[in-house]
Amino acid sequence: MTNTPPVCNYEGSDYQQSFWEQGGHEYEDRAEAIALKRMLPKNGKLMLELGAGAGRNTPRYTGFERIVLLDYSTTQLAQAQERLGRCDKYIYVAADIYRLPFLDRLFDSATMIRSLHHMADAPKALSQIRKVLQPNAILILEFANKLNLKSILRYWLGKQDWNPFTLEPVEFVKLNFDFHPKAIRNWLGELGFSIEKILTVSHFRLGLLKRLFSPKLLAALDGLFQPTGALWQFTPSVFLKAKVKGQSQNIETALNVIDLFKCPECGSGNMQDKKEHLLCPTCQARWAVNDGIFDFRNKMK
């Protein structure tokens, strides 16, 4: 196994309930829904949702025939499974983003919302995503913005050591990174993406404002300001819509689920379904299948 950067594991976490449902973040959720609606293709065949967690955003991808929910945590995926149900439309996969278990040029769209900020090697993560996207595919990427107004003011007032204007990421808490918008655009450009749209999100992420005004009102106001992202990016959250350069290709969505996968150990695509695990005939690696969740994190012993 190739050494990969560390991952942030939400195994056993009640993040969906504690942060989103009871944590006072309804405004942010509504604002992100507006941004996604503006960026999502009207329809598609095979979507990859990276960092899907408990499936908070998955119901918003209504135009897609099939959606692969990928997360490192099997408990988060189990919560998503309870939320969305079991059917051919949803495929639940536990895997390391640095070792994606999918065939190259497979997906026509992908989203990565509130996940890049956990990537210790963001360029490497983005390069792995690029490999599994077909030409002309759409990537909707959200990232935590280093160049936000709060950070700029704190830096100017001497209350913050790190410089928000430099391009390198800043790790403000272990495995929590903020990124400069230009750095993100540079990385995507080097990988062959073109930037189609930029939206700034969470303009009003202040405790006082959230106490004074309803989440619905704040989100509506946020929606009015989001298009200013085409001019400047000073909010804590930024959404990018990027497209892989090249011509579209047809995707066969009627494929058996096993035909989507390759072995993350050796790269072989000839996986065999053994019911309780998948077997790679090339390197003999076995990958668990537990209660409808394909687990590619570690080989079975």
Protein backbone atom coordinates (compact mmCIF):
# COMPACT_ATOMS: atom_id res chain seq x y z
CA MET A 1 0.00 0.00 0.00
CA THR A 2 1.27 3.44 -0.91
CA ASN A 3 1.58 5.82 2.01
CA THR A 4 -1.12 8.48 1.86
CA PRO A 5 -1.77 11.65 3.87
CA PRO A 6 -3.77 11.38 7.11
CA VAL A 7 -7.55 11.50 6.89
CA CYS A 8 -10.16 13.05 9.17
CA ASN A 9 -12.42 10.26 10.37
CA TYR A 10 -15.98 10.97 11.55
CA GLU A 11 -16.53 7.37 12.60
CA GLY A 12 -19.08 7.22 15.40
CA SER A 13 -19.86 10.94 15.15
CA ASP A 14 -23.35 12.44 15.45
CA TYR A 15 -22.22 15.35 13.26
CA GLN A 16 -25.44 15.51 11.25
CA GLN A 17 -27.55 15.86 14.37
CA SER A 18 -25.24 17.87 16.64
CA PHE A 19 -23.92 20.32 14.03
CA TRP A 20 -26.66 20.64 11.43
CA GLU A 21 -29.94 19.73 13.08
CA GLN A 22 -29.30 21.08 16.58
CA GLY A 23 -26.19 23.24 16.17
CA GLY A 24 -27.72 26.45 14.89
CA HIS A 25 -26.50 26.13 11.32
CA GLU A 26 -29.80 26.22 9.46
CA TYR A 27 -28.80 29.48 7.77
CA GLU A 28 -25.59 27.97 6.37
CA ASP A 29 -27.47 24.90 5.16
CA ARG A 30 -30.07 27.02 3.37
CA ALA A 31 -27.38 29.25 1.83
CA GLU A 32 -25.47 26.24 0.55
CA ALA A 33 -28.67 24.84 -0.96
CA ILE A 34 -29.09 28.08 -2.94
CA ALA A 35 -25.50 27.88 -4.20
CA LEU A 36 -25.88 24.24 -5.22
CA LYS A 37 -29.10 24.95 -7.09
CA ARG A 38 -27.30 27.61 -9.10
CA MET A 39 -24.42 25.33 -10.00
CA LEU A 40 -25.85 21.84 -10.40
CA PRO A 41 -26.46 20.49 -13.90
CA LYS A 42 -30.16 19.97 -14.55
CA ASN A 43 -29.57 16.28 -15.12
CA GLY A 44 -26.86 13.68 -15.26
CA LYS A 45 -26.21 9.97 -15.17
CA LEU A 46 -23.60 9.21 -12.53
CA MET A 47 -22.74 11.60 -9.68
CA LEU A 48 -19.91 11.16 -7.17
CA GLU A 49 -20.57 12.88 -3.84
CA LEU A 50 -17.24 13.12 -2.01
CA GLY A 51 -17.45 13.55 1.75
CA ALA A 52 -21.15 12.68 1.62
CA GLY A 53 -21.40 12.18 5.37
CA ALA A 54 -24.97 11.41 6.46
CA GLY A 55 -26.39 12.48 3.11
CA ARG A 56 -27.36 16.05 4.02
CA ASN A 57 -27.00 17.31 0.44
CA THR A 58 -27.79 14.12 -1.46
CA PRO A 59 -31.55 14.79 -1.88
CA ARG A 60 -30.61 18.02 -3.68
CA TYR A 61 -29.09 16.10 -6.59
CA THR A 62 -32.51 15.30 -8.00
CA GLY A 63 -31.53 15.31 -11.68
CA PHE A 64 -29.08 12.40 -11.46
CA GLU A 65 -29.92 8.81 -12.26
CA ARG A 66 -27.39 7.31 -9.84
CA ILE A 67 -25.36 8.78 -7.00
CA VAL A 68 -22.30 7.29 -5.33
CA LEU A 69 -21.98 8.52 -1.73
CA LEU A 70 -18.36 8.34 -0.63
CA ASP A 71 -17.13 8.95 2.90
CA TYR A 72 -14.35 7.56 5.08
CA SER A 73 -16.78 6.86 7.93
CA THR A 74 -19.05 3.82 7.69
CA THR A 75 -21.25 5.14 10.51
CA GLN A 76 -21.87 8.34 8.54
CA LEU A 77 -22.79 6.24 5.50
CA ALA A 78 -25.10 4.10 7.63
CA GLN A 79 -26.88 7.28 8.71
CA ALA A 80 -27.16 8.30 5.05
CA GLN A 81 -28.57 4.88 4.28
CA GLU A 82 -31.24 5.32 6.95
CA ARG A 83 -32.03 8.78 5.58
CA LEU A 84 -32.18 7.87 1.89
CA GLY A 85 -33.00 4.18 1.91
CA ARG A 86 -31.61 1.32 -0.14
CA CYS A 87 -32.27 1.35 -3.85
CA ASP A 88 -30.35 1.18 -7.11
CA LYS A 89 -30.04 4.97 -7.22
CA TYR A 90 -27.71 5.20 -4.19
CA ILE A 91 -24.37 3.40 -3.83
CA TYR A 92 -22.59 3.70 -0.48
CA VAL A 93 -18.78 3.52 -0.48
CA ALA A 94 -16.29 3.90 2.38
CA ALA A 95 -12.87 4.84 1.00
CA ASP A 96 -9.84 7.08 1.32
CA ILE A 97 -10.07 9.97 -1.14
CA TYR A 98 -6.34 9.56 -1.85
CA ARG A 99 -7.04 5.99 -3.06
CA LEU A 100 -10.36 6.17 -4.87
CA PRO A 101 -11.69 2.71 -5.81
CA PHE A 102 -13.29 3.73 -9.12
CA LEU A 103 -12.44 3.26 -12.76
CA ASP A 104 -10.96 6.25 -14.55
CA ARG A 105 -13.26 8.61 -16.49
CA LEU A 106 -16.37 7.17 -14.86
CA PHE A 107 -18.45 10.06 -13.48
CA ASP A 108 -20.11 12.93 -15.34
CA SER A 109 -20.37 15.07 -12.18
CA ALA A 110 -18.96 15.29 -8.68
CA THR A 111 -19.47 17.44 -5.60
CA MET A 112 -17.20 18.03 -2.63
CA ILE A 113 -18.87 20.21 0.01
CA ARG A 114 -17.28 20.94 3.41
CA SER A 115 -14.67 18.24 2.88
CA LEU A 116 -11.63 19.79 1.19
CA HIS A 117 -10.85 21.64 4.42
CA HIS A 118 -9.89 18.26 5.93
CA MET A 119 -7.34 17.50 3.19
CA ALA A 120 -3.70 17.67 4.29
CA ASP A 121 -2.71 17.37 0.62
CA ALA A 122 -5.46 19.12 -1.30
CA PRO A 123 -3.70 19.00 -4.72
CA LYS A 124 -3.33 15.23 -4.41
CA ALA A 125 -6.99 14.83 -3.45
CA LEU A 126 -8.07 16.96 -6.41
CA SER A 127 -5.85 14.95 -8.76
CA GLN A 128 -7.56 11.74 -7.64
CA ILE A 129 -10.96 13.30 -8.30
CA ARG A 130 -9.81 14.42 -11.74
CA LYS A 131 -8.89 10.85 -12.70
CA VAL A 132 -12.39 9.50 -12.14
CA LEU A 133 -14.16 12.32 -14.00
CA GLN A 134 -14.88 11.98 -17.69
CA PRO A 135 -14.14 14.77 -20.18
CA ASN A 136 -16.63 17.66 -19.91
CA ALA A 137 -17.63 16.54 -16.40
CA ILE A 138 -18.64 19.08 -13.77
CA LEU A 139 -17.03 19.40 -10.33
CA ILE A 140 -18.74 21.55 -7.70
CA LEU A 141 -16.17 22.29 -5.02
CA GLU A 142 -16.65 24.17 -1.75
CA PHE A 143 -13.65 25.29 0.28
CA ALA A 144 -12.96 27.19 3.47
CA ASN A 145 -11.58 30.56 2.45
CA LYS A 146 -8.33 31.77 4.00
CA LEU A 147 -8.92 35.23 2.54
CA ASN A 148 -12.09 36.00 4.51
CA LEU A 149 -12.77 39.40 6.04
CA LYS A 150 -12.49 38.20 9.63
CA SER A 151 -9.02 36.75 9.03
CA ILE A 152 -7.88 39.89 7.22
CA LEU A 153 -9.01 42.15 10.08
CA ARG A 154 -7.44 39.90 12.72
CA TYR A 155 -4.17 39.90 10.80
CA TRP A 156 -4.13 43.69 10.42
CA LEU A 157 -4.91 44.12 14.14
CA GLY A 158 -2.07 41.78 15.14
CA LYS A 159 -4.41 39.15 16.63
CA GLN A 160 -3.42 36.46 14.10
CA ASP A 161 0.04 35.23 13.15
CA TRP A 162 -0.65 33.71 9.74
CA ASN A 163 -1.00 35.88 6.66
CA PRO A 164 -4.34 35.50 4.81
CA PHE A 165 -2.86 36.93 1.60
CA THR A 166 -0.26 34.20 1.01
CA LEU A 167 -1.16 31.19 -1.17
CA GLU A 168 -0.19 28.33 1.11
CA PRO A 169 -2.96 26.60 3.15
CA VAL A 170 -3.21 27.27 6.87
CA GLU A 171 -3.99 24.51 9.37
CA PHE A 172 -5.82 26.34 12.15
CA VAL A 173 -6.86 23.13 13.94
CA LYS A 174 -5.45 19.66 13.29
CA LEU A 175 -6.66 18.47 9.86
CA ASN A 176 -8.70 21.64 9.36
CA PHE A 177 -7.36 23.83 6.58
CA ASP A 178 -8.27 27.17 5.00
CA PHE A 179 -7.24 27.82 1.38
CA HIS A 180 -6.54 30.89 -0.69
CA PRO A 181 -8.98 31.16 -3.65
CA LYS A 182 -6.14 31.73 -6.11
CA ALA A 183 -4.36 28.58 -4.93
CA ILE A 184 -7.51 26.53 -5.55
CA ARG A 185 -7.93 28.01 -9.01
CA ASN A 186 -4.26 27.32 -9.80
CA TRP A 187 -4.51 23.67 -8.74
CA LEU A 188 -7.68 23.12 -10.76
CA GLY A 189 -6.16 24.80 -13.81
CA GLU A 190 -3.07 22.58 -13.63
CA LEU A 191 -5.35 19.53 -13.60
CA GLY A 192 -7.19 20.56 -16.75
CA PHE A 193 -10.28 22.18 -15.27
CA SER A 194 -11.82 25.42 -16.48
CA ILE A 195 -13.63 27.58 -13.92
CA GLU A 196 -17.25 28.10 -14.94
CA LYS A 197 -18.65 29.96 -11.93
CA ILE A 198 -17.64 31.25 -8.48
CA LEU A 199 -20.10 31.99 -5.67
CA THR A 200 -19.35 33.41 -2.24
CA VAL A 201 -21.41 31.86 0.56
CA SER A 202 -22.10 32.52 4.25
CA HIS A 203 -21.82 36.30 4.08
CA PHE A 204 -23.68 36.63 7.39
CA ARG A 205 -21.97 33.93 9.48
CA LEU A 206 -22.00 35.99 12.67
CA GLY A 207 -23.58 34.86 15.91
CA LEU A 208 -25.28 38.22 16.49
CA LEU A 209 -26.92 38.26 13.06
CA LYS A 210 -28.04 34.67 13.42
CA ARG A 211 -29.68 35.54 16.74
CA LEU A 212 -31.43 38.64 15.39
CA PHE A 213 -32.71 37.34 12.05
CA SER A 214 -34.32 34.14 10.85
CA PRO A 215 -32.26 31.57 8.90
CA LYS A 216 -34.66 31.90 5.99
CA LEU A 217 -34.15 35.67 5.74
CA LEU A 218 -30.36 35.46 6.09
CA ALA A 219 -30.18 32.76 3.42
CA ALA A 220 -32.31 34.82 1.05
CA LEU A 221 -29.99 37.80 1.55
CA ASP A 222 -26.99 35.54 1.13
CA GLY A 223 -28.41 34.39 -2.18
CA LEU A 224 -28.50 37.99 -3.40
CA PHE A 225 -24.80 38.46 -2.66
CA GLN A 226 -23.50 35.07 -3.83
CA PRO A 227 -22.91 36.15 -7.47
CA THR A 228 -20.38 38.75 -6.27
CA GLY A 229 -17.99 35.80 -6.07
CA ALA A 230 -17.27 36.43 -9.74
CA LEU A 231 -15.57 39.69 -8.66
CA TRP A 232 -14.06 38.97 -5.23
CA GLN A 233 -14.02 36.28 -2.53
CA PHE A 234 -13.96 37.45 1.09
CA THR A 235 -16.53 35.11 2.69
CA PRO A 236 -15.63 32.10 4.88
CA SER A 237 -17.01 29.72 2.27
CA VAL A 238 -16.54 29.73 -1.52
CA PHE A 239 -18.21 27.51 -4.13
CA LEU A 240 -16.55 26.81 -7.49
CA LYS A 241 -18.08 25.17 -10.54
CA ALA A 242 -15.32 23.67 -12.65
CA LYS A 243 -15.47 21.68 -15.88
CA VAL A 244 -13.05 19.07 -17.17
CA LYS A 245 -11.78 20.11 -20.57
CA GLY A 246 -12.68 17.73 -23.40
CA GLN A 247 -15.63 16.14 -25.17
CA SER A 248 -18.43 14.34 -23.35
CA GLN A 249 -18.70 10.57 -23.48
CA ASN A 250 -21.63 8.25 -22.89
CA ILE A 251 -22.00 6.56 -19.48
CA GLU A 252 -23.73 3.23 -19.18
CA THR A 253 -25.76 3.63 -15.98
CA ALA A 254 -27.17 0.13 -16.24
CA LEU A 255 -23.78 -1.28 -15.26
CA ASN A 256 -23.69 -3.63 -12.31
CA VAL A 257 -22.36 -1.84 -9.24
CA ILE A 258 -19.24 -4.02 -9.21
CA ASP A 259 -18.36 -2.71 -12.69
CA LEU A 260 -17.78 0.76 -11.21
CA PHE A 261 -14.91 -0.34 -9.02
CA LYS A 262 -11.21 -0.95 -9.32
CA CYS A 263 -8.92 -2.36 -6.65
CA PRO A 264 -7.31 0.55 -4.75
CA GLU A 265 -4.37 -1.74 -3.97
CA CYS A 266 -3.27 -2.66 -7.51
CA GLY A 267 -5.61 -0.71 -9.81
CA SER A 268 -7.21 -3.74 -11.45
CA GLY A 269 -10.80 -3.28 -12.61
CA ASN A 270 -11.76 -6.95 -12.76
CA MET A 271 -13.38 -7.15 -9.33
CA GLN A 272 -15.34 -10.27 -8.40
CA ASP A 273 -18.47 -10.21 -6.23
CA LYS A 274 -18.23 -12.75 -3.42
CA LYS A 275 -21.35 -11.42 -1.65
CA GLU A 276 -19.75 -10.50 1.68
CA HIS A 277 -16.63 -9.11 0.03
CA LEU A 278 -15.19 -8.08 -3.32
CA LEU A 279 -12.15 -9.97 -4.56
CA CYS A 280 -9.44 -8.60 -6.79
CA PRO A 281 -8.22 -11.57 -8.87
CA THR A 282 -5.04 -9.74 -9.80
CA CYS A 283 -3.59 -9.15 -6.30
CA GLN A 284 -6.05 -11.27 -4.27
CA ALA A 285 -7.03 -8.31 -2.08
CA ARG A 286 -10.44 -8.67 -0.44
CA TRP A 287 -12.67 -5.69 0.34
CA ALA A 288 -15.57 -5.97 2.75
CA VAL A 289 -19.22 -5.41 1.91
CA ASN A 290 -21.13 -4.78 5.12
CA ASP A 291 -24.87 -4.20 5.12
CA GLY A 292 -24.87 -2.53 1.73
CA ILE A 293 -21.71 -0.45 2.28
CA PHE A 294 -18.65 -1.19 0.14
CA ASP A 295 -15.59 -0.75 2.38
CA PHE A 296 -12.33 -0.02 0.54
CA ARG A 297 -10.44 1.52 3.46
CA ASN A 298 -8.40 -1.53 4.45
CA LYS A 299 -7.97 -4.98 2.99
CA MET A 300 -9.61 -7.88 4.79
CA LYS A 301 -7.20 -10.19 6.57
